[in-house]
């Protein structure tokens, strides 16, 4: 059974709790605008966003450095490698063939290209949201209108939010389905044998 090291577990748990909290805080926060004061949830969103940006940078640096050190392909980001794209296409085909038969793909010891690529996309969306949010948090002055550039960054930040909501709906749901099917997905990530 594949298992993750302690740092991977800590980073994953930190991102899961942090990003989920961020998304729910975004529903109750009041953003600053000329003539409108932000509420305290906005400060929570800013601060947590900066912390999440740092965690995501550590996560990505660690993944890239591990890839360089071991020579293993960066499974989270297969988009610029013909071999990894081929493996991804093959895994998508196998997954679709299993789905047509109402089966889950078999659980093996190797990390599969499709789940890894989906997780990589989620991490990229998270990194984008955290980076644009950090830029906004460090440059917005309450009561002052945004420059055109900052306005565009804010619009992009808001446009990517629904992508993260979708990811938050799909990723844990699939992990739970695999766990219930006996694949021990959650055990592998969080280290409990049952």
N, C-alpha and C. Protein backbone atom coordinates (compact mmCIF):
# COMPACT_ATOMS: atom_id res chain seq x y z
N UNK A 1 0.85 -1.18 0.00
CA UNK A 1 0.00 0.00 0.00
C UNK A 1 0.89 1.24 0.00
N UNK A 2 0.62 2.18 -0.93
CA UNK A 2 1.41 3.40 -0.95
C UNK A 2 1.02 4.26 0.25
N UNK A 3 2.01 4.91 0.83
CA UNK A 3 1.77 5.81 1.95
C UNK A 3 2.52 7.09 1.67
N UNK A 4 2.11 8.11 2.34
CA UNK A 4 2.74 9.41 2.17
C UNK A 4 3.55 9.73 3.41
N UNK A 5 4.65 10.46 3.23
CA UNK A 5 5.48 10.81 4.36
C UNK A 5 4.78 11.87 5.21
N UNK A 6 5.32 12.10 6.40
CA UNK A 6 4.69 13.01 7.36
C UNK A 6 4.53 14.42 6.83
N UNK A 7 5.52 14.93 6.10
CA UNK A 7 5.40 16.29 5.57
C UNK A 7 4.30 16.38 4.52
N UNK A 8 4.20 15.37 3.67
CA UNK A 8 3.11 15.36 2.67
C UNK A 8 1.75 15.37 3.36
N UNK A 9 1.62 14.57 4.40
CA UNK A 9 0.36 14.53 5.14
C UNK A 9 0.05 15.88 5.78
N UNK A 10 1.06 16.48 6.40
CA UNK A 10 0.86 17.78 7.05
C UNK A 10 0.48 18.85 6.03
N UNK A 11 1.18 18.88 4.90
CA UNK A 11 0.86 19.86 3.86
C UNK A 11 -0.54 19.63 3.31
N UNK A 12 -0.89 18.38 3.06
CA UNK A 12 -2.22 18.05 2.53
C UNK A 12 -3.31 18.46 3.52
N UNK A 13 -3.13 18.12 4.78
CA UNK A 13 -4.11 18.48 5.80
C UNK A 13 -4.22 19.99 5.95
N UNK A 14 -3.07 20.67 5.95
CA UNK A 14 -3.07 22.14 6.06
C UNK A 14 -3.81 22.78 4.89
N UNK A 15 -3.57 22.28 3.69
CA UNK A 15 -4.25 22.81 2.51
C UNK A 15 -5.74 22.48 2.53
N UNK A 16 -6.07 21.27 2.91
CA UNK A 16 -7.49 20.87 2.94
C UNK A 16 -8.28 21.74 3.92
N UNK A 17 -7.77 21.88 5.13
CA UNK A 17 -8.46 22.68 6.14
C UNK A 17 -8.42 24.16 5.77
N UNK A 18 -7.25 24.63 5.36
CA UNK A 18 -7.09 26.05 5.04
C UNK A 18 -7.93 26.50 3.86
N UNK A 19 -7.89 25.75 2.77
CA UNK A 19 -8.63 26.15 1.58
C UNK A 19 -10.14 26.03 1.82
N UNK A 20 -10.56 24.98 2.51
CA UNK A 20 -11.98 24.85 2.82
C UNK A 20 -12.45 26.02 3.68
N UNK A 21 -11.66 26.36 4.69
CA UNK A 21 -11.99 27.51 5.54
C UNK A 21 -12.05 28.78 4.70
N UNK A 22 -11.05 28.98 3.84
CA UNK A 22 -11.02 30.16 2.97
C UNK A 22 -12.29 30.30 2.16
N UNK A 23 -12.71 29.20 1.57
CA UNK A 23 -13.87 29.26 0.69
C UNK A 23 -15.14 29.60 1.47
N UNK A 24 -15.29 29.05 2.66
CA UNK A 24 -16.48 29.37 3.45
C UNK A 24 -16.41 30.80 4.00
N UNK A 25 -15.22 31.25 4.38
CA UNK A 25 -15.07 32.64 4.83
C UNK A 25 -15.43 33.60 3.70
N UNK A 26 -15.10 33.24 2.47
CA UNK A 26 -15.40 34.12 1.33
C UNK A 26 -16.90 34.35 1.18
N UNK A 27 -17.72 33.46 1.72
CA UNK A 27 -19.17 33.61 1.62
C UNK A 27 -19.73 34.65 2.59
N UNK A 28 -19.00 34.93 3.67
CA UNK A 28 -19.51 35.85 4.69
C UNK A 28 -18.70 37.15 4.80
N UNK A 29 -17.59 37.22 4.10
CA UNK A 29 -16.76 38.43 4.22
C UNK A 29 -17.37 39.57 3.39
N UNK A 30 -17.07 40.78 3.84
CA UNK A 30 -17.45 41.99 3.11
C UNK A 30 -16.15 42.62 2.64
N UNK A 31 -15.99 42.74 1.32
CA UNK A 31 -14.75 43.28 0.76
C UNK A 31 -14.77 44.80 0.81
N UNK A 32 -13.58 45.41 0.88
CA UNK A 32 -13.53 46.87 0.92
C UNK A 32 -13.82 47.47 -0.45
N UNK A 33 -14.54 48.56 -0.44
CA UNK A 33 -14.80 49.37 -1.64
C UNK A 33 -14.86 50.81 -1.17
N UNK A 34 -14.69 51.75 -2.07
CA UNK A 34 -14.84 53.14 -1.63
C UNK A 34 -16.21 53.34 -0.98
N UNK A 35 -16.20 53.82 0.25
CA UNK A 35 -17.43 54.04 0.99
C UNK A 35 -17.93 52.82 1.75
N UNK A 36 -17.22 51.69 1.66
CA UNK A 36 -17.64 50.48 2.37
C UNK A 36 -16.44 49.90 3.12
N UNK A 37 -16.64 49.68 4.40
CA UNK A 37 -15.59 49.14 5.26
C UNK A 37 -15.68 47.61 5.24
N UNK A 38 -14.53 46.92 5.13
CA UNK A 38 -14.57 45.46 5.18
C UNK A 38 -14.89 44.97 6.60
N UNK A 39 -15.47 43.78 6.70
CA UNK A 39 -15.71 43.21 8.02
C UNK A 39 -14.49 42.39 8.46
N UNK A 40 -14.55 41.86 9.68
CA UNK A 40 -13.40 41.13 10.21
C UNK A 40 -13.12 39.83 9.44
N UNK A 41 -14.15 39.26 8.80
CA UNK A 41 -13.93 38.06 8.00
C UNK A 41 -13.01 38.34 6.81
N UNK A 42 -13.03 39.56 6.32
CA UNK A 42 -12.14 39.92 5.22
C UNK A 42 -10.68 39.83 5.69
N UNK A 43 -10.41 40.29 6.91
CA UNK A 43 -9.05 40.20 7.46
C UNK A 43 -8.63 38.75 7.64
N UNK A 44 -9.57 37.91 8.08
CA UNK A 44 -9.28 36.47 8.21
C UNK A 44 -8.93 35.90 6.83
N UNK A 45 -9.72 36.27 5.82
CA UNK A 45 -9.50 35.78 4.45
C UNK A 45 -8.12 36.22 3.94
N UNK A 46 -7.77 37.48 4.17
CA UNK A 46 -6.46 37.98 3.73
C UNK A 46 -5.32 37.22 4.41
N UNK A 47 -5.38 37.14 5.73
CA UNK A 47 -4.30 36.52 6.49
C UNK A 47 -4.15 35.04 6.15
N UNK A 48 -5.27 34.32 6.16
CA UNK A 48 -5.22 32.90 5.83
C UNK A 48 -4.75 32.69 4.39
N UNK A 49 -5.14 33.57 3.49
CA UNK A 49 -4.71 33.46 2.10
C UNK A 49 -3.20 33.58 1.95
N UNK A 50 -2.61 34.50 2.69
CA UNK A 50 -1.15 34.67 2.64
C UNK A 50 -0.46 33.42 3.20
N UNK A 51 -0.99 32.88 4.30
CA UNK A 51 -0.43 31.65 4.88
C UNK A 51 -0.55 30.50 3.88
N UNK A 52 -1.71 30.38 3.25
CA UNK A 52 -1.91 29.31 2.25
C UNK A 52 -0.98 29.48 1.05
N UNK A 53 -0.73 30.72 0.66
CA UNK A 53 0.21 30.96 -0.44
C UNK A 53 1.58 30.39 -0.08
N UNK A 54 2.02 30.65 1.15
CA UNK A 54 3.32 30.13 1.59
C UNK A 54 3.32 28.60 1.60
N UNK A 55 2.25 27.99 2.09
CA UNK A 55 2.16 26.52 2.12
C UNK A 55 2.18 25.95 0.71
N UNK A 56 1.44 26.58 -0.20
CA UNK A 56 1.40 26.10 -1.59
C UNK A 56 2.75 26.24 -2.27
N UNK A 57 3.46 27.31 -2.00
CA UNK A 57 4.80 27.48 -2.57
C UNK A 57 5.72 26.37 -2.05
N UNK A 58 5.65 26.08 -0.75
CA UNK A 58 6.45 24.99 -0.18
C UNK A 58 6.07 23.66 -0.83
N UNK A 59 4.78 23.42 -1.00
CA UNK A 59 4.31 22.17 -1.61
C UNK A 59 4.88 22.01 -3.01
N UNK A 60 4.76 23.06 -3.83
CA UNK A 60 5.25 22.99 -5.21
C UNK A 60 6.77 22.88 -5.27
N UNK A 61 7.48 23.66 -4.46
CA UNK A 61 8.94 23.57 -4.45
C UNK A 61 9.38 22.16 -4.07
N UNK A 62 8.73 21.61 -3.06
CA UNK A 62 9.06 20.25 -2.62
C UNK A 62 8.82 19.25 -3.74
N UNK A 63 7.69 19.37 -4.44
CA UNK A 63 7.38 18.44 -5.53
C UNK A 63 8.41 18.55 -6.65
N UNK A 64 8.77 19.77 -7.00
CA UNK A 64 9.74 19.97 -8.09
C UNK A 64 11.12 19.48 -7.67
N UNK A 65 11.55 19.82 -6.45
CA UNK A 65 12.87 19.38 -5.99
C UNK A 65 12.93 17.86 -5.87
N UNK A 66 11.85 17.24 -5.41
CA UNK A 66 11.81 15.77 -5.33
C UNK A 66 11.92 15.16 -6.72
N UNK A 67 11.25 15.78 -7.68
CA UNK A 67 11.31 15.31 -9.07
C UNK A 67 12.73 15.41 -9.60
N UNK A 68 13.39 16.52 -9.35
CA UNK A 68 14.77 16.71 -9.81
C UNK A 68 15.70 15.70 -9.13
N UNK A 69 15.52 15.53 -7.82
CA UNK A 69 16.39 14.64 -7.05
C UNK A 69 16.23 13.18 -7.45
N UNK A 70 15.00 12.72 -7.62
CA UNK A 70 14.76 11.30 -7.90
C UNK A 70 14.72 10.97 -9.37
N UNK A 71 14.49 11.98 -10.20
CA UNK A 71 14.35 11.72 -11.63
C UNK A 71 12.98 11.20 -12.01
N UNK A 72 12.10 11.03 -11.01
CA UNK A 72 10.73 10.59 -11.29
C UNK A 72 9.96 11.73 -11.95
N UNK A 73 9.01 11.40 -12.80
CA UNK A 73 8.24 12.46 -13.45
C UNK A 73 7.34 13.19 -12.45
N UNK A 74 7.14 14.46 -12.70
CA UNK A 74 6.25 15.26 -11.87
C UNK A 74 4.82 14.92 -12.29
N UNK A 75 4.22 13.98 -11.59
CA UNK A 75 2.90 13.46 -11.95
C UNK A 75 1.81 14.52 -11.81
N UNK A 76 2.04 15.51 -10.93
CA UNK A 76 1.03 16.54 -10.73
C UNK A 76 0.89 17.47 -11.93
N UNK A 77 1.90 17.52 -12.76
CA UNK A 77 1.92 18.49 -13.85
C UNK A 77 2.45 17.84 -15.13
N UNK A 78 1.61 17.04 -15.80
CA UNK A 78 2.08 16.26 -16.95
C UNK A 78 2.00 17.00 -18.29
N UNK A 79 1.61 18.25 -18.30
CA UNK A 79 1.15 18.93 -19.52
C UNK A 79 2.24 19.20 -20.56
N UNK A 80 3.51 19.13 -20.20
CA UNK A 80 4.57 19.43 -21.16
C UNK A 80 5.47 18.24 -21.45
N UNK A 81 4.96 17.04 -21.21
CA UNK A 81 5.73 15.83 -21.47
C UNK A 81 4.88 14.87 -22.28
N UNK A 82 5.38 14.50 -23.45
CA UNK A 82 4.63 13.57 -24.31
C UNK A 82 4.41 12.24 -23.60
N UNK A 83 5.43 11.76 -22.89
CA UNK A 83 5.31 10.48 -22.19
C UNK A 83 4.25 10.55 -21.10
N UNK A 84 4.28 11.64 -20.31
CA UNK A 84 3.30 11.76 -19.22
C UNK A 84 1.90 12.00 -19.77
N UNK A 85 1.79 12.75 -20.87
CA UNK A 85 0.47 12.94 -21.49
C UNK A 85 -0.06 11.62 -22.05
N UNK A 86 0.83 10.81 -22.60
CA UNK A 86 0.43 9.49 -23.09
C UNK A 86 -0.06 8.60 -21.95
N UNK A 87 0.67 8.63 -20.83
CA UNK A 87 0.25 7.84 -19.66
C UNK A 87 -1.09 8.35 -19.13
N UNK A 88 -1.26 9.67 -19.15
CA UNK A 88 -2.53 10.26 -18.69
C UNK A 88 -3.67 9.83 -19.60
N UNK A 89 -3.46 9.89 -20.91
CA UNK A 89 -4.51 9.48 -21.87
C UNK A 89 -4.87 8.01 -21.67
N UNK A 90 -3.86 7.17 -21.46
CA UNK A 90 -4.11 5.74 -21.24
C UNK A 90 -4.92 5.54 -19.95
N UNK A 91 -4.57 6.29 -18.91
CA UNK A 91 -5.28 6.16 -17.63
C UNK A 91 -6.72 6.68 -17.75
N UNK A 92 -6.91 7.75 -18.51
CA UNK A 92 -8.28 8.26 -18.74
C UNK A 92 -9.10 7.19 -19.46
N UNK A 93 -8.52 6.57 -20.48
CA UNK A 93 -9.22 5.50 -21.21
C UNK A 93 -9.59 4.34 -20.30
N UNK A 94 -8.65 3.92 -19.46
CA UNK A 94 -8.92 2.80 -18.54
C UNK A 94 -9.98 3.19 -17.52
N UNK A 95 -9.92 4.43 -17.05
CA UNK A 95 -10.91 4.90 -16.07
C UNK A 95 -12.30 4.96 -16.69
N UNK A 96 -12.39 5.44 -17.93
CA UNK A 96 -13.68 5.48 -18.62
C UNK A 96 -14.22 4.07 -18.86
N UNK A 97 -13.34 3.15 -19.24
CA UNK A 97 -13.77 1.76 -19.44
C UNK A 97 -14.31 1.17 -18.15
N UNK A 98 -13.67 1.47 -17.03
CA UNK A 98 -14.17 1.01 -15.73
C UNK A 98 -15.50 1.69 -15.39
N UNK A 99 -15.61 2.99 -15.67
CA UNK A 99 -16.83 3.74 -15.35
C UNK A 99 -18.04 3.19 -16.11
N UNK A 100 -17.83 2.81 -17.37
CA UNK A 100 -18.92 2.24 -18.17
C UNK A 100 -19.44 0.95 -17.53
N UNK A 101 -18.55 0.25 -16.85
CA UNK A 101 -18.93 -1.01 -16.17
C UNK A 101 -19.30 -0.76 -14.70
N UNK A 102 -19.41 0.52 -14.32
CA UNK A 102 -19.75 0.91 -12.95
C UNK A 102 -18.76 0.34 -11.94
N UNK A 103 -17.47 0.41 -12.31
CA UNK A 103 -16.40 -0.05 -11.44
C UNK A 103 -15.44 1.10 -11.21
N UNK A 104 -14.75 1.04 -10.09
CA UNK A 104 -13.65 1.97 -9.84
C UNK A 104 -12.38 1.36 -10.40
N UNK A 105 -11.43 2.19 -10.82
CA UNK A 105 -10.15 1.63 -11.25
C UNK A 105 -9.50 0.87 -10.09
N UNK A 106 -8.73 -0.16 -10.39
CA UNK A 106 -8.09 -0.92 -9.31
C UNK A 106 -7.11 -0.05 -8.54
N UNK A 107 -6.97 -0.35 -7.27
CA UNK A 107 -6.05 0.39 -6.40
C UNK A 107 -4.73 -0.36 -6.36
N UNK A 108 -3.68 0.28 -6.83
CA UNK A 108 -2.37 -0.35 -6.81
C UNK A 108 -1.40 0.45 -5.96
N UNK A 109 -0.16 0.04 -5.99
CA UNK A 109 0.87 0.73 -5.22
C UNK A 109 1.42 1.96 -5.94
N UNK A 110 1.16 2.06 -7.23
CA UNK A 110 1.68 3.18 -8.01
C UNK A 110 0.67 4.33 -8.02
N UNK A 111 1.18 5.53 -8.08
CA UNK A 111 0.32 6.71 -8.21
C UNK A 111 -0.15 6.77 -9.66
N UNK A 112 -1.45 6.87 -9.85
CA UNK A 112 -2.03 6.88 -11.19
C UNK A 112 -1.97 8.28 -11.79
N UNK A 113 -1.78 8.38 -13.11
CA UNK A 113 -1.66 9.69 -13.76
C UNK A 113 -2.91 10.57 -13.66
N UNK A 114 -4.11 10.00 -13.79
CA UNK A 114 -5.32 10.83 -13.78
C UNK A 114 -5.56 11.50 -12.43
N UNK A 115 -5.59 10.77 -11.33
CA UNK A 115 -5.78 11.45 -10.04
C UNK A 115 -4.66 12.45 -9.74
N UNK A 116 -3.43 12.10 -10.11
CA UNK A 116 -2.32 13.02 -9.87
C UNK A 116 -2.49 14.30 -10.67
N UNK A 117 -2.89 14.19 -11.93
CA UNK A 117 -3.08 15.38 -12.76
C UNK A 117 -4.23 16.23 -12.24
N UNK A 118 -5.30 15.59 -11.79
CA UNK A 118 -6.43 16.35 -11.23
C UNK A 118 -5.99 17.07 -9.96
N UNK A 119 -5.23 16.39 -9.11
CA UNK A 119 -4.73 17.05 -7.91
C UNK A 119 -3.80 18.20 -8.29
N UNK A 120 -2.99 18.00 -9.32
CA UNK A 120 -2.12 19.08 -9.78
C UNK A 120 -2.90 20.29 -10.25
N UNK A 121 -4.01 20.05 -10.97
CA UNK A 121 -4.86 21.17 -11.40
C UNK A 121 -5.45 21.89 -10.20
N UNK A 122 -5.89 21.13 -9.20
CA UNK A 122 -6.42 21.75 -7.98
C UNK A 122 -5.36 22.59 -7.28
N UNK A 123 -4.14 22.07 -7.24
CA UNK A 123 -3.05 22.83 -6.62
C UNK A 123 -2.71 24.09 -7.42
N UNK A 124 -2.79 24.00 -8.75
CA UNK A 124 -2.55 25.19 -9.57
C UNK A 124 -3.63 26.24 -9.35
N UNK A 125 -4.89 25.81 -9.28
CA UNK A 125 -5.98 26.76 -9.01
C UNK A 125 -5.78 27.39 -7.63
N UNK A 126 -5.43 26.55 -6.64
CA UNK A 126 -5.16 27.07 -5.31
C UNK A 126 -4.01 28.06 -5.29
N UNK A 127 -2.94 27.73 -6.01
CA UNK A 127 -1.78 28.63 -6.07
C UNK A 127 -2.16 29.94 -6.74
N UNK A 128 -2.94 29.87 -7.82
CA UNK A 128 -3.38 31.09 -8.50
C UNK A 128 -4.24 31.95 -7.58
N UNK A 129 -5.20 31.33 -6.90
CA UNK A 129 -6.05 32.08 -5.98
C UNK A 129 -5.23 32.70 -4.85
N UNK A 130 -4.31 31.92 -4.29
CA UNK A 130 -3.49 32.43 -3.18
C UNK A 130 -2.55 33.54 -3.65
N UNK A 131 -1.97 33.39 -4.83
CA UNK A 131 -1.05 34.42 -5.35
C UNK A 131 -1.79 35.72 -5.66
N UNK A 132 -2.92 35.62 -6.36
CA UNK A 132 -3.68 36.84 -6.68
C UNK A 132 -4.24 37.45 -5.41
N UNK A 133 -4.69 36.62 -4.47
CA UNK A 133 -5.19 37.14 -3.20
C UNK A 133 -4.11 37.83 -2.40
N UNK A 134 -2.90 37.27 -2.42
CA UNK A 134 -1.78 37.90 -1.70
C UNK A 134 -1.44 39.25 -2.32
N UNK A 135 -1.42 39.31 -3.64
CA UNK A 135 -1.18 40.59 -4.32
C UNK A 135 -2.22 41.61 -3.88
N UNK A 136 -3.48 41.21 -3.87
CA UNK A 136 -4.55 42.12 -3.46
C UNK A 136 -4.41 42.52 -2.00
N UNK A 137 -4.12 41.55 -1.13
CA UNK A 137 -4.01 41.83 0.30
C UNK A 137 -2.88 42.82 0.59
N UNK A 138 -1.81 42.74 -0.18
CA UNK A 138 -0.66 43.61 0.07
C UNK A 138 -0.75 44.96 -0.63
N UNK A 139 -1.71 45.13 -1.54
CA UNK A 139 -1.75 46.37 -2.31
C UNK A 139 -3.04 47.17 -2.18
N UNK A 140 -4.12 46.55 -1.75
CA UNK A 140 -5.39 47.28 -1.63
C UNK A 140 -5.34 48.23 -0.44
N UNK A 141 -5.78 49.44 -0.67
CA UNK A 141 -5.93 50.42 0.39
C UNK A 141 -7.42 50.65 0.60
N UNK A 142 -7.94 50.31 1.79
CA UNK A 142 -9.37 50.51 2.02
C UNK A 142 -9.79 51.95 1.75
N UNK A 143 -10.92 52.09 1.07
CA UNK A 143 -11.45 53.42 0.77
C UNK A 143 -10.92 54.03 -0.51
N UNK A 144 -9.96 53.35 -1.15
CA UNK A 144 -9.37 53.87 -2.39
C UNK A 144 -9.74 52.92 -3.53
N UNK A 145 -10.16 53.50 -4.65
CA UNK A 145 -10.54 52.68 -5.81
C UNK A 145 -9.33 51.91 -6.34
N UNK A 146 -9.59 50.73 -6.87
CA UNK A 146 -8.52 49.90 -7.43
C UNK A 146 -8.02 50.47 -8.75
N UNK A 147 -6.73 50.31 -9.00
CA UNK A 147 -6.19 50.64 -10.31
C UNK A 147 -6.75 49.64 -11.31
N UNK A 148 -6.70 49.94 -12.61
CA UNK A 148 -7.19 48.98 -13.60
C UNK A 148 -6.51 47.61 -13.50
N UNK A 149 -5.22 47.59 -13.24
CA UNK A 149 -4.50 46.32 -13.11
C UNK A 149 -5.00 45.53 -11.90
N UNK A 150 -5.11 46.21 -10.75
CA UNK A 150 -5.60 45.52 -9.55
C UNK A 150 -7.05 45.08 -9.72
N UNK A 151 -7.83 45.87 -10.43
CA UNK A 151 -9.22 45.48 -10.69
C UNK A 151 -9.25 44.18 -11.51
N UNK A 152 -8.39 44.09 -12.53
CA UNK A 152 -8.32 42.86 -13.33
C UNK A 152 -7.88 41.66 -12.49
N UNK A 153 -6.90 41.88 -11.61
CA UNK A 153 -6.44 40.81 -10.72
C UNK A 153 -7.58 40.36 -9.81
N UNK A 154 -8.33 41.32 -9.27
CA UNK A 154 -9.48 40.99 -8.41
C UNK A 154 -10.52 40.19 -9.17
N UNK A 155 -10.80 40.60 -10.41
CA UNK A 155 -11.79 39.89 -11.22
C UNK A 155 -11.33 38.45 -11.51
N UNK A 156 -10.06 38.27 -11.82
CA UNK A 156 -9.53 36.92 -12.05
C UNK A 156 -9.60 36.08 -10.77
N UNK A 157 -9.26 36.71 -9.65
CA UNK A 157 -9.33 36.02 -8.36
C UNK A 157 -10.75 35.52 -8.10
N UNK A 158 -11.71 36.37 -8.34
CA UNK A 158 -13.11 35.99 -8.12
C UNK A 158 -13.59 34.96 -9.15
N UNK A 159 -13.10 35.05 -10.38
CA UNK A 159 -13.52 34.10 -11.43
C UNK A 159 -13.02 32.69 -11.16
N UNK A 160 -11.87 32.55 -10.50
CA UNK A 160 -11.31 31.23 -10.23
C UNK A 160 -11.92 30.57 -8.99
N UNK A 161 -12.64 31.34 -8.18
CA UNK A 161 -13.27 30.79 -6.98
C UNK A 161 -14.18 29.60 -7.27
N UNK A 162 -15.08 29.69 -8.26
CA UNK A 162 -15.94 28.54 -8.56
C UNK A 162 -15.17 27.28 -8.97
N UNK A 163 -14.02 27.44 -9.60
CA UNK A 163 -13.20 26.27 -9.93
C UNK A 163 -12.76 25.54 -8.66
N UNK A 164 -12.40 26.32 -7.65
CA UNK A 164 -11.99 25.71 -6.38
C UNK A 164 -13.18 25.06 -5.69
N UNK A 165 -14.36 25.68 -5.76
CA UNK A 165 -15.55 25.04 -5.19
C UNK A 165 -15.78 23.69 -5.87
N UNK A 166 -15.65 23.64 -7.18
CA UNK A 166 -15.82 22.38 -7.90
C UNK A 166 -14.81 21.34 -7.46
N UNK A 167 -13.56 21.77 -7.32
CA UNK A 167 -12.51 20.86 -6.88
C UNK A 167 -12.80 20.35 -5.47
N UNK A 168 -13.26 21.26 -4.59
CA UNK A 168 -13.57 20.86 -3.22
C UNK A 168 -14.76 19.90 -3.16
N UNK A 169 -15.63 19.96 -4.14
CA UNK A 169 -16.75 19.01 -4.19
C UNK A 169 -16.29 17.65 -4.71
N UNK A 170 -15.44 17.65 -5.72
CA UNK A 170 -15.06 16.41 -6.39
C UNK A 170 -13.96 15.63 -5.65
N UNK A 171 -12.90 16.30 -5.27
CA UNK A 171 -11.72 15.62 -4.71
C UNK A 171 -12.04 14.81 -3.45
N UNK A 172 -12.64 15.41 -2.42
CA UNK A 172 -12.94 14.60 -1.23
C UNK A 172 -14.02 13.54 -1.48
N UNK A 173 -14.98 13.87 -2.35
CA UNK A 173 -16.04 12.89 -2.65
C UNK A 173 -15.44 11.63 -3.27
N UNK A 174 -14.54 11.81 -4.23
CA UNK A 174 -13.91 10.65 -4.86
C UNK A 174 -13.02 9.88 -3.87
N UNK A 175 -12.34 10.61 -2.99
CA UNK A 175 -11.52 9.94 -1.97
C UNK A 175 -12.40 9.08 -1.06
N UNK A 176 -13.56 9.61 -0.68
CA UNK A 176 -14.47 8.85 0.19
C UNK A 176 -15.03 7.63 -0.55
N UNK A 177 -15.41 7.82 -1.82
CA UNK A 177 -15.92 6.69 -2.61
C UNK A 177 -14.86 5.58 -2.71
N UNK A 178 -13.62 5.96 -2.98
CA UNK A 178 -12.54 4.97 -3.06
C UNK A 178 -12.31 4.30 -1.70
N UNK A 179 -12.38 5.08 -0.63
CA UNK A 179 -12.21 4.51 0.71
C UNK A 179 -13.31 3.49 0.99
N UNK A 180 -14.55 3.85 0.68
CA UNK A 180 -15.68 2.94 0.90
C UNK A 180 -15.57 1.68 0.04
N UNK A 181 -14.92 1.80 -1.11
CA UNK A 181 -14.74 0.64 -2.00
C UNK A 181 -13.57 -0.24 -1.55
N UNK A 182 -12.91 0.14 -0.46
CA UNK A 182 -11.83 -0.68 0.07
C UNK A 182 -10.44 -0.30 -0.40
N UNK A 183 -10.31 0.83 -1.07
CA UNK A 183 -8.99 1.22 -1.59
C UNK A 183 -8.09 1.87 -0.55
N UNK A 184 -8.63 2.16 0.62
CA UNK A 184 -7.85 2.74 1.73
C UNK A 184 -7.17 4.05 1.34
N UNK A 185 -7.83 4.82 0.51
CA UNK A 185 -7.29 6.10 0.04
C UNK A 185 -7.02 7.04 1.20
N UNK A 186 -7.98 7.17 2.10
CA UNK A 186 -7.80 8.08 3.23
C UNK A 186 -6.76 7.54 4.20
N UNK A 187 -6.70 6.23 4.35
CA UNK A 187 -5.68 5.62 5.20
C UNK A 187 -4.28 5.95 4.67
N UNK A 188 -4.12 5.88 3.36
CA UNK A 188 -2.82 6.15 2.75
C UNK A 188 -2.39 7.59 2.99
N UNK A 189 -3.34 8.52 2.88
CA UNK A 189 -2.98 9.93 3.05
C UNK A 189 -2.78 10.28 4.52
N UNK A 190 -3.63 9.73 5.38
CA UNK A 190 -3.59 10.17 6.77
C UNK A 190 -3.01 9.14 7.72
N UNK A 191 -2.52 8.00 7.17
CA UNK A 191 -1.67 7.11 7.92
C UNK A 191 -2.30 6.18 8.92
N UNK A 192 -3.59 5.96 8.84
CA UNK A 192 -4.22 5.04 9.79
C UNK A 192 -4.53 3.71 9.10
N UNK A 193 -4.12 2.65 9.72
CA UNK A 193 -4.45 1.31 9.23
C UNK A 193 -5.73 0.86 9.93
N UNK A 194 -6.71 0.41 9.15
CA UNK A 194 -7.94 -0.13 9.75
C UNK A 194 -8.29 -1.44 9.08
